Amino acid sequence: MLFQIRHGIIFRVIQYFFRVVNQWLALPALSQAFQALRAGQSDAATSIDATAMFMQVRGDFTRAISGVFPQTACFAFANKPLAEAVVGALDTLKKDGFYDKLLDQYGVLKIEEPTFSIKGPGPA
């Protein structure tokens, strides 16, 4: 089996579900993991939820497990007007429903807050 693992806990989750891990292949990129899977050189691969859903929608693979270690992503800006413009644009996308539709398409979690915001002191 092929697993590209970044966190030891993912191994324990996969081991719980599959019960048997025969062989580990450490590959530096998701593209290589999916190529090995497609070529029959592995039985499974791990990736972020959005990539797995993209591959499933294309008909390449079936996403078996999702939602492991969900995280909020962030953008970092050194320019406050740019950061504020991005927050405004994301709020517009969320308000008109595009944000939810896009993230639902890939089966990934959305922020729970009703609007986006700059956290912490932000850029100067």
PDB file of N, CA and C in Angstrom:
ATOM      1  N   MET A   1       0.834  -1.176   0.000  1.00  0.00           N
ATOM      2  CA  MET A   1       0.000   0.000   0.000  1.00  0.00           C
ATOM      3  C   MET A   1       0.874   1.233   0.000  1.00  0.00           C
ATOM      4  N   LEU A   2       0.356   2.270  -0.598  1.00  0.00           N
ATOM      5  CA  LEU A   2       1.080   3.534  -0.646  1.00  0.00           C
ATOM      6  C   LEU A   2       0.364   4.540   0.220  1.00  0.00           C
ATOM      7  N   PHE A   3       1.072   5.153   1.098  1.00  0.00           N
ATOM      8  CA  PHE A   3       0.510   6.227   1.907  1.00  0.00           C
ATOM      9  C   PHE A   3       1.507   7.359   1.940  1.00  0.00           C
ATOM     10  N   GLN A   4       1.061   8.531   1.614  1.00  0.00           N
ATOM     11  CA  GLN A   4       1.920   9.687   1.768  1.00  0.00           C
ATOM     12  C   GLN A   4       1.468  10.342   3.062  1.00  0.00           C
ATOM     13  N   ILE A   5       2.213  10.186   4.115  1.00  0.00           N
ATOM     14  CA  ILE A   5       1.792  10.572   5.448  1.00  0.00           C
ATOM     15  C   ILE A   5       2.642  11.730   5.956  1.00  0.00           C
ATOM     16  N   ARG A   6       1.978  12.706   6.502  1.00  0.00           N
ATOM     17  CA  ARG A   6       2.667  13.831   7.112  1.00  0.00           C
ATOM     18  C   ARG A   6       2.483  13.816   8.628  1.00  0.00           C
ATOM     19  N   HIS A   7       1.467  13.148   9.128  1.00  0.00           N
ATOM     20  CA  HIS A   7       1.188  13.096  10.558  1.00  0.00           C
ATOM     21  C   HIS A   7       1.018  11.642  10.978  1.00  0.00           C
ATOM     22  N   GLY A   8       1.650  11.249  12.085  1.00  0.00           N
ATOM     23  CA  GLY A   8       1.561   9.881  12.561  1.00  0.00           C
ATOM     24  C   GLY A   8       0.142   9.439  12.859  1.00  0.00           C
ATOM     25  N   ILE A   9      -0.713  10.363  13.285  1.00  0.00           N
ATOM     26  CA  ILE A   9      -2.085   9.992  13.615  1.00  0.00           C
ATOM     27  C   ILE A   9      -2.844   9.514  12.382  1.00  0.00           C
ATOM     28  N   ILE A  10      -2.528  10.033  11.210  1.00  0.00           N
ATOM     29  CA  ILE A  10      -3.209   9.587   9.997  1.00  0.00           C
ATOM     30  C   ILE A  10      -2.948   8.100   9.790  1.00  0.00           C
ATOM     31  N   PHE A  11      -1.730   7.662  10.083  1.00  0.00           N
ATOM     32  CA  PHE A  11      -1.424   6.234   9.976  1.00  0.00           C
ATOM     33  C   PHE A  11      -2.359   5.433  10.872  1.00  0.00           C
ATOM     34  N   ARG A  12      -2.555   5.893  12.117  1.00  0.00           N
ATOM     35  CA  ARG A  12      -3.411   5.157  13.044  1.00  0.00           C
ATOM     36  C   ARG A  12      -4.852   5.129  12.557  1.00  0.00           C
ATOM     37  N   VAL A  13      -5.329   6.223  11.974  1.00  0.00           N
ATOM     38  CA  VAL A  13      -6.693   6.244  11.441  1.00  0.00           C
ATOM     39  C   VAL A  13      -6.817   5.257  10.289  1.00  0.00           C
ATOM     40  N   ILE A  14      -5.873   5.293   9.365  1.00  0.00           N
ATOM     41  CA  ILE A  14      -5.913   4.387   8.216  1.00  0.00           C
ATOM     42  C   ILE A  14      -5.761   2.948   8.682  1.00  0.00           C
ATOM     43  N   GLN A  15      -4.871   2.718   9.624  1.00  0.00           N
ATOM     44  CA  GLN A  15      -4.680   1.362  10.134  1.00  0.00           C
ATOM     45  C   GLN A  15      -5.968   0.855  10.785  1.00  0.00           C
ATOM     46  N   TYR A  16      -6.681   1.707  11.478  1.00  0.00           N
ATOM     47  CA  TYR A  16      -7.943   1.318  12.088  1.00  0.00           C
ATOM     48  C   TYR A  16      -8.936   0.861  11.028  1.00  0.00           C
ATOM     49  N   PHE A  17      -9.005   1.609   9.922  1.00  0.00           N
ATOM     50  CA  PHE A  17      -9.972   1.277   8.882  1.00  0.00           C
ATOM     51  C   PHE A  17      -9.535   0.084   8.033  1.00  0.00           C
ATOM     52  N   PHE A  18      -8.275  -0.006   7.714  1.00  0.00           N
ATOM     53  CA  PHE A  18      -7.801  -1.057   6.820  1.00  0.00           C
ATOM     54  C   PHE A  18      -7.220  -2.257   7.551  1.00  0.00           C
ATOM     55  N   ARG A  19      -6.800  -2.078   8.798  1.00  0.00           N
ATOM     56  CA  ARG A  19      -6.263  -3.142   9.643  1.00  0.00           C
ATOM     57  C   ARG A  19      -4.920  -3.702   9.181  1.00  0.00           C
ATOM     58  N   VAL A  20      -4.527  -3.516   7.957  1.00  0.00           N
ATOM     59  CA  VAL A  20      -3.278  -4.089   7.465  1.00  0.00           C
ATOM     60  C   VAL A  20      -2.543  -3.053   6.626  1.00  0.00           C
ATOM     61  N   VAL A  21      -1.298  -2.855   6.927  1.00  0.00           N
ATOM     62  CA  VAL A  21      -0.438  -2.003   6.099  1.00  0.00           C
ATOM     63  C   VAL A  21       0.767  -2.856   5.727  1.00  0.00           C
ATOM     64  N   ASN A  22       0.893  -3.176   4.458  1.00  0.00           N
ATOM     65  CA  ASN A  22       1.957  -4.068   4.004  1.00  0.00           C
ATOM     66  C   ASN A  22       3.272  -3.350   3.739  1.00  0.00           C
ATOM     67  N   GLN A  23       3.202  -2.180   3.151  1.00  0.00           N
ATOM     68  CA  GLN A  23       4.422  -1.521   2.716  1.00  0.00           C
ATOM     69  C   GLN A  23       4.168  -0.018   2.664  1.00  0.00           C
ATOM     70  N   TRP A  24       5.175   0.755   3.018  1.00  0.00           N
ATOM     71  CA  TRP A  24       5.097   2.207   2.949  1.00  0.00           C
ATOM     72  C   TRP A  24       5.996   2.693   1.826  1.00  0.00           C
ATOM     73  N   LEU A  25       5.489   3.555   1.002  1.00  0.00           N
ATOM     74  CA  LEU A  25       6.298   4.243  -0.002  1.00  0.00           C
ATOM     75  C   LEU A  25       6.176   5.725   0.283  1.00  0.00           C
ATOM     76  N   ALA A  26       7.272   6.383   0.558  1.00  0.00           N
ATOM     77  CA  ALA A  26       7.250   7.815   0.822  1.00  0.00           C
ATOM     78  C   ALA A  26       7.535   8.540  -0.486  1.00  0.00           C
ATOM     79  N   LEU A  27       6.563   9.265  -0.961  1.00  0.00           N
ATOM     80  CA  LEU A  27       6.712  10.020  -2.201  1.00  0.00           C
ATOM     81  C   LEU A  27       6.606  11.503  -1.887  1.00  0.00           C
ATOM     82  N   PRO A  28       7.399  12.330  -2.557  1.00  0.00           N
ATOM     83  CA  PRO A  28       7.453  13.750  -2.203  1.00  0.00           C
ATOM     84  C   PRO A  28       6.269  14.588  -2.690  1.00  0.00           C
ATOM     85  N   ALA A  29       5.421  14.060  -3.550  1.00  0.00           N
ATOM     86  CA  ALA A  29       4.345  14.883  -4.097  1.00  0.00           C
ATOM     87  C   ALA A  29       3.073  14.057  -4.275  1.00  0.00           C
ATOM     88  N   LEU A  30       1.928  14.716  -4.101  1.00  0.00           N
ATOM     89  CA  LEU A  30       0.653  14.042  -4.296  1.00  0.00           C
ATOM     90  C   LEU A  30       0.517  13.506  -5.713  1.00  0.00           C
ATOM     91  N   SER A  31       1.046  14.238  -6.677  1.00  0.00           N
ATOM     92  CA  SER A  31       0.929  13.778  -8.061  1.00  0.00           C
ATOM     93  C   SER A  31       1.593  12.412  -8.241  1.00  0.00           C
ATOM     94  N   GLN A  32       2.728  12.201  -7.588  1.00  0.00           N
ATOM     95  CA  GLN A  32       3.401  10.904  -7.681  1.00  0.00           C
ATOM     96  C   GLN A  32       2.597   9.816  -6.975  1.00  0.00           C
ATOM     97  N   ALA A  33       1.964  10.162  -5.854  1.00  0.00           N
ATOM     98  CA  ALA A  33       1.141   9.187  -5.138  1.00  0.00           C
ATOM     99  C   ALA A  33      -0.032   8.750  -6.004  1.00  0.00           C
ATOM    100  N   PHE A  34      -0.673   9.695  -6.666  1.00  0.00           N
ATOM    101  CA  PHE A  34      -1.806   9.351  -7.519  1.00  0.00           C
ATOM    102  C   PHE A  34      -1.371   8.626  -8.791  1.00  0.00           C
ATOM    103  N   GLN A  35      -0.188   8.941  -9.302  1.00  0.00           N
ATOM    104  CA  GLN A  35       0.328   8.198 -10.454  1.00  0.00           C
ATOM    105  C   GLN A  35       0.584   6.746 -10.084  1.00  0.00           C
ATOM    106  N   ALA A  36       1.149   6.511  -8.896  1.00  0.00           N
ATOM    107  CA  ALA A  36       1.397   5.136  -8.444  1.00  0.00           C
ATOM    108  C   ALA A  36       0.081   4.395  -8.240  1.00  0.00           C
ATOM    109  N   LEU A  37      -0.913   5.090  -7.727  1.00  0.00           N
ATOM    110  CA  LEU A  37      -2.229   4.479  -7.539  1.00  0.00           C
ATOM    111  C   LEU A  37      -2.850   4.109  -8.884  1.00  0.00           C
ATOM    112  N   ARG A  38      -2.786   5.027  -9.826  1.00  0.00           N
ATOM    113  CA  ARG A  38      -3.345   4.792 -11.163  1.00  0.00           C
ATOM    114  C   ARG A  38      -2.631   3.652 -11.875  1.00  0.00           C
ATOM    115  N   ALA A  39      -1.325   3.519 -11.647  1.00  0.00           N
ATOM    116  CA  ALA A  39      -0.533   2.477 -12.312  1.00  0.00           C
ATOM    117  C   ALA A  39      -0.644   1.122 -11.619  1.00  0.00           C
ATOM    118  N   GLY A  40      -1.395   1.056 -10.525  1.00  0.00           N
ATOM    119  CA  GLY A  40      -1.544  -0.200  -9.818  1.00  0.00           C
ATOM    120  C   GLY A  40      -0.362  -0.549  -8.941  1.00  0.00           C
ATOM    121  N   GLN A  41       0.519   0.422  -8.685  1.00  0.00           N
ATOM    122  CA  GLN A  41       1.683   0.184  -7.841  1.00  0.00           C
ATOM    123  C   GLN A  41       1.352   0.373  -6.359  1.00  0.00           C
ATOM    124  N   SER A  42       0.144   0.823  -6.065  1.00  0.00           N
ATOM    125  CA  SER A  42      -0.280   1.024  -4.686  1.00  0.00           C
ATOM    126  C   SER A  42      -1.782   0.772  -4.583  1.00  0.00           C
ATOM    127  N   ASP A  43      -2.232   0.603  -3.362  1.00  0.00           N
ATOM    128  CA  ASP A  43      -3.643   0.344  -3.114  1.00  0.00           C
ATOM    129  C   ASP A  43      -4.379   1.561  -2.582  1.00  0.00           C
ATOM    130  N   ALA A  44      -3.644   2.525  -2.034  1.00  0.00           N
ATOM    131  CA  ALA A  44      -4.280   3.694  -1.438  1.00  0.00           C
ATOM    132  C   ALA A  44      -3.301   4.854  -1.405  1.00  0.00           C
ATOM    133  N   ALA A  45      -3.831   6.047  -1.285  1.00  0.00           N
ATOM    134  CA  ALA A  45      -3.020   7.256  -1.137  1.00  0.00           C
ATOM    135  C   ALA A  45      -3.800   8.229  -0.282  1.00  0.00           C
ATOM    136  N   THR A  46      -3.102   9.132   0.373  1.00  0.00           N
ATOM    137  CA  THR A  46      -3.773  10.172   1.138  1.00  0.00           C
ATOM    138  C   THR A  46      -3.535  11.513   0.470  1.00  0.00           C
ATOM    139  N   SER A  47      -4.465  12.419   0.662  1.00  0.00           N
ATOM    140  CA  SER A  47      -4.326  13.773   0.141  1.00  0.00           C
ATOM    141  C   SER A  47      -5.279  14.675   0.899  1.00  0.00           C
ATOM    142  N   ILE A  48      -5.234  15.944   0.590  1.00  0.00           N
ATOM    143  CA  ILE A  48      -6.205  16.853   1.173  1.00  0.00           C
ATOM    144  C   ILE A  48      -7.571  16.573   0.547  1.00  0.00           C
ATOM    145  N   ASP A  49      -8.631  16.916   1.280  1.00  0.00           N
ATOM    146  CA  ASP A  49      -9.987  16.601   0.832  1.00  0.00           C
ATOM    147  C   ASP A  49     -10.314  17.160  -0.557  1.00  0.00           C
ATOM    148  N   ALA A  50      -9.914  18.389  -0.816  1.00  0.00           N
ATOM    149  CA  ALA A  50     -10.261  19.001  -2.103  1.00  0.00           C
ATOM    150  C   ALA A  50      -9.656  18.241  -3.272  1.00  0.00           C
ATOM    151  N   THR A  51      -8.404  17.818  -3.137  1.00  0.00           N
ATOM    152  CA  THR A  51      -7.760  17.056  -4.206  1.00  0.00           C
ATOM    153  C   THR A  51      -8.436  15.710  -4.396  1.00  0.00           C
ATOM    154  N   ALA A  52      -8.748  15.051  -3.294  1.00  0.00           N
ATOM    155  CA  ALA A  52      -9.413  13.746  -3.381  1.00  0.00           C
ATOM    156  C   ALA A  52     -10.778  13.872  -4.051  1.00  0.00           C
ATOM    157  N   MET A  53     -11.531  14.916  -3.703  1.00  0.00           N
ATOM    158  CA  MET A  53     -12.847  15.106  -4.320  1.00  0.00           C
ATOM    159  C   MET A  53     -12.705  15.412  -5.808  1.00  0.00           C
ATOM    160  N   PHE A  54     -11.709  16.211  -6.173  1.00  0.00           N
ATOM    161  CA  PHE A  54     -11.458  16.529  -7.577  1.00  0.00           C
ATOM    162  C   PHE A  54     -11.198  15.248  -8.367  1.00  0.00           C
ATOM    163  N   MET A  55     -10.357  14.375  -7.812  1.00  0.00           N
ATOM    164  CA  MET A  55     -10.054  13.106  -8.487  1.00  0.00           C
ATOM    165  C   MET A  55     -11.294  12.222  -8.577  1.00  0.00           C
ATOM    166  N   GLN A  56     -12.125  12.233  -7.542  1.00  0.00           N
ATOM    167  CA  GLN A  56     -13.347  11.433  -7.559  1.00  0.00           C
ATOM    168  C   GLN A  56     -14.330  11.951  -8.598  1.00  0.00           C
ATOM    169  N   VAL A  57     -14.502  13.261  -8.677  1.00  0.00           N
ATOM    170  CA  VAL A  57     -15.422  13.853  -9.654  1.00  0.00           C
ATOM    171  C   VAL A  57     -14.967  13.534 -11.072  1.00  0.00           C
ATOM    172  N   ARG A  58     -13.659  13.519 -11.299  1.00  0.00           N
ATOM    173  CA  ARG A  58     -13.124  13.163 -12.621  1.00  0.00           C
ATOM    174  C   ARG A  58     -13.312  11.688 -12.942  1.00  0.00           C
ATOM    175  N   GLY A  59     -13.613  10.887 -11.926  1.00  0.00           N
ATOM    176  CA  GLY A  59     -13.787   9.458 -12.136  1.00  0.00           C
ATOM    177  C   GLY A  59     -12.522   8.649 -11.959  1.00  0.00           C
ATOM    178  N   ASP A  60     -11.473   9.270 -11.429  1.00  0.00           N
ATOM    179  CA  ASP A  60     -10.201   8.577 -11.257  1.00  0.00           C
ATOM    180  C   ASP A  60     -10.217   7.601 -10.084  1.00  0.00           C
ATOM    181  N   PHE A  61     -10.734   8.047  -8.954  1.00  0.00           N
ATOM    182  CA  PHE A  61     -10.686   7.275  -7.725  1.00  0.00           C
ATOM    183  C   PHE A  61     -11.935   7.559  -6.897  1.00  0.00           C
ATOM    184  N   THR A  62     -12.143   6.750  -5.880  1.00  0.00           N
ATOM    185  CA  THR A  62     -13.214   6.988  -4.920  1.00  0.00           C
ATOM    186  C   THR A  62     -12.595   7.471  -3.621  1.00  0.00           C
ATOM    187  N   ARG A  63     -13.120   8.557  -3.121  1.00  0.00           N
ATOM    188  CA  ARG A  63     -12.657   9.103  -1.839  1.00  0.00           C
ATOM    189  C   ARG A  63     -13.286   8.275  -0.728  1.00  0.00           C
ATOM    190  N   ALA A  64     -12.463   7.603   0.056  1.00  0.00           N
ATOM    191  CA  ALA A  64     -12.970   6.683   1.070  1.00  0.00           C
ATOM    192  C   ALA A  64     -13.162   7.346   2.426  1.00  0.00           C
ATOM    193  N   ILE A  65     -12.248   8.193   2.823  1.00  0.00           N
ATOM    194  CA  ILE A  65     -12.287   8.848   4.134  1.00  0.00           C
ATOM    195  C   ILE A  65     -12.064  10.337   3.911  1.00  0.00           C
ATOM    196  N   SER A  66     -12.871  11.170   4.552  1.00  0.00           N
ATOM    197  CA  SER A  66     -12.654  12.614   4.443  1.00  0.00           C
ATOM    198  C   SER A  66     -12.894  13.264   5.799  1.00  0.00           C
ATOM    199  N   GLY A  67     -12.482  14.509   5.924  1.00  0.00           N
ATOM    200  CA  GLY A  67     -12.695  15.246   7.159  1.00  0.00           C
ATOM    201  C   GLY A  67     -11.688  14.959   8.249  1.00  0.00           C
ATOM    202  N   VAL A  68     -10.577  14.297   7.920  1.00  0.00           N
ATOM    203  CA  VAL A  68      -9.546  14.029   8.911  1.00  0.00           C
ATOM    204  C   VAL A  68      -8.717  15.296   9.093  1.00  0.00           C
ATOM    205  N   PHE A  69      -8.632  15.792  10.282  1.00  0.00           N
ATOM    206  CA  PHE A  69      -7.884  17.007  10.611  1.00  0.00           C
ATOM    207  C   PHE A  69      -8.318  18.227   9.810  1.00  0.00           C
ATOM    208  N   PRO A  70      -9.603  18.565   9.828  1.00  0.00           N
ATOM    209  CA  PRO A  70     -10.027  19.773   9.111  1.00  0.00           C
ATOM    210  C   PRO A  70      -9.394  21.015   9.738  1.00  0.00           C
ATOM    211  N   GLN A  71      -8.996  21.943   8.899  1.00  0.00           N
ATOM    212  CA  GLN A  71      -8.327  23.151   9.363  1.00  0.00           C
ATOM    213  C   GLN A  71      -8.875  24.361   8.620  1.00  0.00           C
ATOM    214  N   THR A  72      -8.787  25.501   9.271  1.00  0.00           N
ATOM    215  CA  THR A  72      -9.082  26.746   8.592  1.00  0.00           C
ATOM    216  C   THR A  72      -7.803  27.200   7.904  1.00  0.00           C
ATOM    217  N   ALA A  73      -7.891  27.520   6.641  1.00  0.00           N
ATOM    218  CA  ALA A  73      -6.729  28.024   5.904  1.00  0.00           C
ATOM    219  C   ALA A  73      -6.625  29.529   6.120  1.00  0.00           C
ATOM    220  N   CYS A  74      -5.502  30.073   5.765  1.00  0.00           N
ATOM    221  CA  CYS A  74      -5.345  31.521   5.917  1.00  0.00           C
ATOM    222  C   CYS A  74      -4.579  32.100   4.733  1.00  0.00           C
ATOM    223  N   PHE A  75      -4.769  33.377   4.542  1.00  0.00           N
ATOM    224  CA  PHE A  75      -3.971  34.156   3.612  1.00  0.00           C
ATOM    225  C   PHE A  75      -3.142  35.112   4.456  1.00  0.00           C
ATOM    226  N   ALA A  76      -1.935  35.409   4.053  1.00  0.00           N
ATOM    227  CA  ALA A  76      -1.087  36.366   4.752  1.00  0.00           C
ATOM    228  C   ALA A  76      -0.700  37.476   3.779  1.00  0.00           C
ATOM    229  N   PHE A  77      -0.868  38.705   4.223  1.00  0.00           N
ATOM    230  CA  PHE A  77      -0.561  39.863   3.380  1.00  0.00           C
ATOM    231  C   PHE A  77       0.320  40.844   4.144  1.00  0.00           C
ATOM    232  N   ALA A  78       1.225  41.490   3.454  1.00  0.00           N
ATOM    233  CA  ALA A  78       2.053  42.536   4.046  1.00  0.00           C
ATOM    234  C   ALA A  78       1.445  43.916   3.807  1.00  0.00           C
ATOM    235  N   ASN A  79       0.378  43.970   3.041  1.00  0.00           N
ATOM    236  CA  ASN A  79      -0.244  45.229   2.642  1.00  0.00           C
ATOM    237  C   ASN A  79      -1.685  45.241   3.154  1.00  0.00           C
ATOM    238  N   LYS A  80      -2.011  46.159   4.095  1.00  0.00           N
ATOM    239  CA  LYS A  80      -3.340  46.176   4.713  1.00  0.00           C
ATOM    240  C   LYS A  80      -4.456  46.468   3.714  1.00  0.00           C
ATOM    241  N   PRO A  81      -4.321  47.444   2.803  1.00  0.00           N
ATOM    242  CA  PRO A  81      -5.403  47.662   1.831  1.00  0.00           C
ATOM    243  C   PRO A  81      -5.684  46.419   0.968  1.00  0.00           C
ATOM    244  N   LEU A  82      -4.638  45.692   0.618  1.00  0.00           N
ATOM    245  CA  LEU A  82      -4.828  44.466  -0.150  1.00  0.00           C
ATOM    246  C   LEU A  82      -5.563  43.427   0.695  1.00  0.00           C
ATOM    247  N   ALA A  83      -5.156  43.276   1.959  1.00  0.00           N
ATOM    248  CA  ALA A  83      -5.822  42.326   2.856  1.00  0.00           C
ATOM    249  C   ALA A  83      -7.299  42.686   3.006  1.00  0.00           C
ATOM    250  N   GLU A  84      -7.608  43.943   3.174  1.00  0.00           N
ATOM    251  CA  GLU A  84      -9.003  44.379   3.322  1.00  0.00           C
ATOM    252  C   GLU A  84      -9.796  44.137   2.041  1.00  0.00           C
ATOM    253  N   ALA A  85      -9.154  44.339   0.885  1.00  0.00           N
ATOM    254  CA  ALA A  85      -9.828  44.095  -0.394  1.00  0.00           C
ATOM    255  C   ALA A  85     -10.148  42.606  -0.563  1.00  0.00           C
ATOM    256  N   VAL A  86      -9.232  41.741  -0.168  1.00  0.00           N
ATOM    257  CA  VAL A  86      -9.462  40.297  -0.271  1.00  0.00           C
ATOM    258  C   VAL A  86     -10.587  39.872   0.681  1.00  0.00           C
ATOM    259  N   VAL A  87     -10.574  40.396   1.902  1.00  0.00           N
ATOM    260  CA  VAL A  87     -11.657  40.100   2.845  1.00  0.00           C
ATOM    261  C   VAL A  87     -12.993  40.539   2.249  1.00  0.00           C
ATOM    262  N   GLY A  88     -13.034  41.726   1.653  1.00  0.00           N
ATOM    263  CA  GLY A  88     -14.269  42.207   1.018  1.00  0.00           C
ATOM    264  C   GLY A  88     -14.718  41.320  -0.125  1.00  0.00           C
ATOM    265  N   ALA A  89     -13.775  40.890  -0.934  1.00  0.00           N
ATOM    266  CA  ALA A  89     -14.108  40.024  -2.071  1.00  0.00           C
ATOM    267  C   ALA A  89     -14.635  38.665  -1.580  1.00  0.00           C
ATOM    268  N   LEU A  90     -13.995  38.098  -0.560  1.00  0.00           N
ATOM    269  CA  LEU A  90     -14.453  36.826  -0.014  1.00  0.00           C
ATOM    270  C   LEU A  90     -15.838  36.961   0.620  1.00  0.00           C
ATOM    271  N   ASP A  91     -16.076  38.088   1.294  1.00  0.00           N
ATOM    272  CA  ASP A  91     -17.407  38.320   1.875  1.00  0.00           C
ATOM    273  C   ASP A  91     -18.475  38.398   0.789  1.00  0.00           C
ATOM    274  N   THR A  92     -18.144  39.012  -0.328  1.00  0.00           N
ATOM    275  CA  THR A  92     -19.079  39.085  -1.451  1.00  0.00           C
ATOM    276  C   THR A  92     -19.368  37.693  -1.995  1.00  0.00           C
ATOM    277  N   LEU A  93     -18.331  36.892  -2.155  1.00  0.00           N
ATOM    278  CA  LEU A  93     -18.511  35.518  -2.632  1.00  0.00           C
ATOM    279  C   LEU A  93     -19.359  34.696  -1.665  1.00  0.00           C
ATOM    280  N   LYS A  94     -19.172  34.924  -0.378  1.00  0.00           N
ATOM    281  CA  LYS A  94     -19.950  34.197   0.622  1.00  0.00           C
ATOM    282  C   LYS A  94     -21.404  34.667   0.608  1.00  0.00           C
ATOM    283  N   LYS A  95     -21.597  35.973   0.502  1.00  0.00           N
ATOM    284  CA  LYS A  95     -22.948  36.548   0.529  1.00  0.00           C
ATOM    285  C   LYS A  95     -23.793  36.085  -0.656  1.00  0.00           C
ATOM    286  N   ASP A  96     -23.186  36.001  -1.847  1.00  0.00           N
ATOM    287  CA  ASP A  96     -23.974  35.607  -3.029  1.00  0.00           C
ATOM    288  C   ASP A  96     -24.063  34.086  -3.225  1.00  0.00           C
ATOM    289  N   GLY A  97     -23.442  33.315  -2.296  1.00  0.00           N
ATOM    290  CA  GLY A  97     -23.574  31.869  -2.339  1.00  0.00           C
ATOM    291  C   GLY A  97     -22.495  31.139  -3.113  1.00  0.00           C
ATOM    292  N   PHE A  98     -21.636  31.868  -3.832  1.00  0.00           N
ATOM    293  CA  PHE A  98     -20.603  31.223  -4.641  1.00  0.00           C
ATOM    294  C   PHE A  98     -19.595  30.481  -3.768  1.00  0.00           C
ATOM    295  N   TYR A  99     -19.219  31.084  -2.645  1.00  0.00           N
ATOM    296  CA  TYR A  99     -18.246  30.459  -1.731  1.00  0.00           C
ATOM    297  C   TYR A  99     -18.745  29.085  -1.283  1.00  0.00           C
ATOM    298  N   ASP A 100     -19.984  29.008  -0.798  1.00  0.00           N
ATOM    299  CA  ASP A 100     -20.528  27.724  -0.345  1.00  0.00           C
ATOM    300  C   ASP A 100     -20.623  26.723  -1.488  1.00  0.00           C
ATOM    301  N   LYS A 101     -21.073  27.182  -2.636  1.00  0.00           N
ATOM    302  CA  LYS A 101     -21.215  26.291  -3.790  1.00  0.00           C
ATOM    303  C   LYS A 101     -19.857  25.721  -4.203  1.00  0.00           C
ATOM    304  N   LEU A 102     -18.837  26.555  -4.238  1.00  0.00           N
ATOM    305  CA  LEU A 102     -17.503  26.119  -4.635  1.00  0.00           C
ATOM    306  C   LEU A 102     -16.934  25.104  -3.655  1.00  0.00           C
ATOM    307  N   LEU A 103     -17.008  25.391  -2.368  1.00  0.00           N
ATOM    308  CA  LEU A 103     -16.442  24.466  -1.393  1.00  0.00           C
ATOM    309  C   LEU A 103     -17.255  23.191  -1.284  1.00  0.00           C
ATOM    310  N   ASP A 104     -18.572  23.264  -1.458  1.00  0.00           N
ATOM    311  CA  ASP A 104     -19.401  22.053  -1.474  1.00  0.00           C
ATOM    312  C   ASP A 104     -19.036  21.151  -2.648  1.00  0.00           C
ATOM    313  N   GLN A 105     -18.667  21.764  -3.765  1.00  0.00           N
ATOM    314  CA  GLN A 105     -18.295  21.000  -4.961  1.00  0.00           C
ATOM    315  C   GLN A 105     -17.119  20.073  -4.678  1.00  0.00           C
ATOM    316  N   TYR A 106     -16.214  20.508  -3.799  1.00  0.00           N
ATOM    317  CA  TYR A 106     -15.034  19.713  -3.494  1.00  0.00           C
ATOM    318  C   TYR A 106     -15.119  19.028  -2.133  1.00  0.00           C
ATOM    319  N   GLY A 107     -16.254  19.161  -1.452  1.00  0.00           N
ATOM    320  CA  GLY A 107     -16.453  18.454  -0.199  1.00  0.00           C
ATOM    321  C   GLY A 107     -15.558  18.895   0.932  1.00  0.00           C
ATOM    322  N   VAL A 108     -15.204  20.169   0.954  1.00  0.00           N
ATOM    323  CA  VAL A 108     -14.350  20.665   2.027  1.00  0.00           C
ATOM    324  C   VAL A 108     -15.155  21.544   2.979  1.00  0.00           C
ATOM    325  N   LEU A 109     -14.630  21.683   4.195  1.00  0.00           N
ATOM    326  CA  LEU A 109     -15.324  22.459   5.207  1.00  0.00           C
ATOM    327  C   LEU A 109     -15.220  23.952   4.928  1.00  0.00           C
ATOM    328  N   LYS A 110     -16.255  24.663   5.333  1.00  0.00           N
ATOM    329  CA  LYS A 110     -16.303  26.118   5.178  1.00  0.00           C
ATOM    330  C   LYS A 110     -16.127  26.782   6.541  1.00  0.00           C
ATOM    331  N   ILE A 111     -15.780  28.049   6.551  1.00  0.00           N
ATOM    332  CA  ILE A 111     -15.692  28.756   7.825  1.00  0.00           C
ATOM    333  C   ILE A 111     -17.090  28.864   8.417  1.00  0.00           C
ATOM    334  N   GLU A 112     -17.170  28.812   9.733  1.00  0.00           N
ATOM    335  CA  GLU A 112     -18.467  28.894  10.401  1.00  0.00           C
ATOM    336  C   GLU A 112     -18.926  30.333  10.576  1.00  0.00           C
ATOM    337  N   GLU A 113     -18.000  31.272  10.613  1.00  0.00           N
ATOM    338  CA  GLU A 113     -18.348  32.677  10.798  1.00  0.00           C
ATOM    339  C   GLU A 113     -19.137  33.181   9.588  1.00  0.00           C
ATOM    340  N   PRO A 114     -20.054  34.115   9.806  1.00  0.00           N
ATOM    341  CA  PRO A 114     -20.848  34.626   8.686  1.00  0.00           C
ATOM    342  C   PRO A 114     -20.064  35.513   7.713  1.00  0.00           C
ATOM    343  N   THR A 115     -18.930  36.068   8.178  1.00  0.00           N
ATOM    344  CA  THR A 115     -18.105  36.919   7.316  1.00  0.00           C
ATOM    345  C   THR A 115     -16.636  36.598   7.551  1.00  0.00           C
ATOM    346  N   PHE A 116     -15.810  36.998   6.607  1.00  0.00           N
ATOM    347  CA  PHE A 116     -14.364  36.883   6.744  1.00  0.00           C
ATOM    348  C   PHE A 116     -13.838  38.091   7.499  1.00  0.00           C
ATOM    349  N   SER A 117     -12.649  37.982   8.081  1.00  0.00           N
ATOM    350  CA  SER A 117     -12.073  39.118   8.802  1.00  0.00           C
ATOM    351  C   SER A 117     -10.572  38.960   8.932  1.00  0.00           C
ATOM    352  N   ILE A 118      -9.928  40.046   9.254  1.00  0.00           N
ATOM    353  CA  ILE A 118      -8.495  40.025   9.536  1.00  0.00           C
ATOM    354  C   ILE A 118      -8.354  39.660  11.012  1.00  0.00           C
ATOM    355  N   LYS A 119      -7.604  38.610  11.268  1.00  0.00           N
ATOM    356  CA  LYS A 119      -7.361  38.156  12.655  1.00  0.00           C
ATOM    357  C   LYS A 119      -6.044  38.722  13.139  1.00  0.00           C
ATOM    358  N   GLY A 120      -6.000  39.114  14.389  1.00  0.00           N
ATOM    359  CA  GLY A 120      -4.784  39.670  14.954  1.00  0.00           C
ATOM    360  C   GLY A 120      -4.572  41.095  14.496  1.00  0.00           C
ATOM    361  N   PRO A 121      -3.352  41.604  14.683  1.00  0.00           N
ATOM    362  CA  PRO A 121      -3.117  43.008  14.340  1.00  0.00           C
ATOM    363  C   PRO A 121      -3.140  43.283  12.834  1.00  0.00           C
ATOM    364  N   GLY A 122      -2.933  42.255  12.046  1.00  0.00           N
ATOM    365  CA  GLY A 122      -2.930  42.458  10.600  1.00  0.00           C
ATOM    366  C   GLY A 122      -1.727  43.230  10.123  1.00  0.00           C
ATOM    367  N   PRO A 123      -1.646  43.431   8.822  1.00  0.00           N
ATOM    368  CA  PRO A 123      -0.495  44.188   8.295  1.00  0.00           C
ATOM    369  C   PRO A 123      -0.599  45.666   8.632  1.00  0.00           C
ATOM    370  N   ALA A 124       0.525  46.341   8.601  1.00  0.00           N
ATOM    371  CA  ALA A 124       0.561  47.778   8.911  1.00  0.00           C
ATOM    372  C   ALA A 124       0.012  48.612   7.777  1.00  0.00           C
TER     373      ALA A 124
END
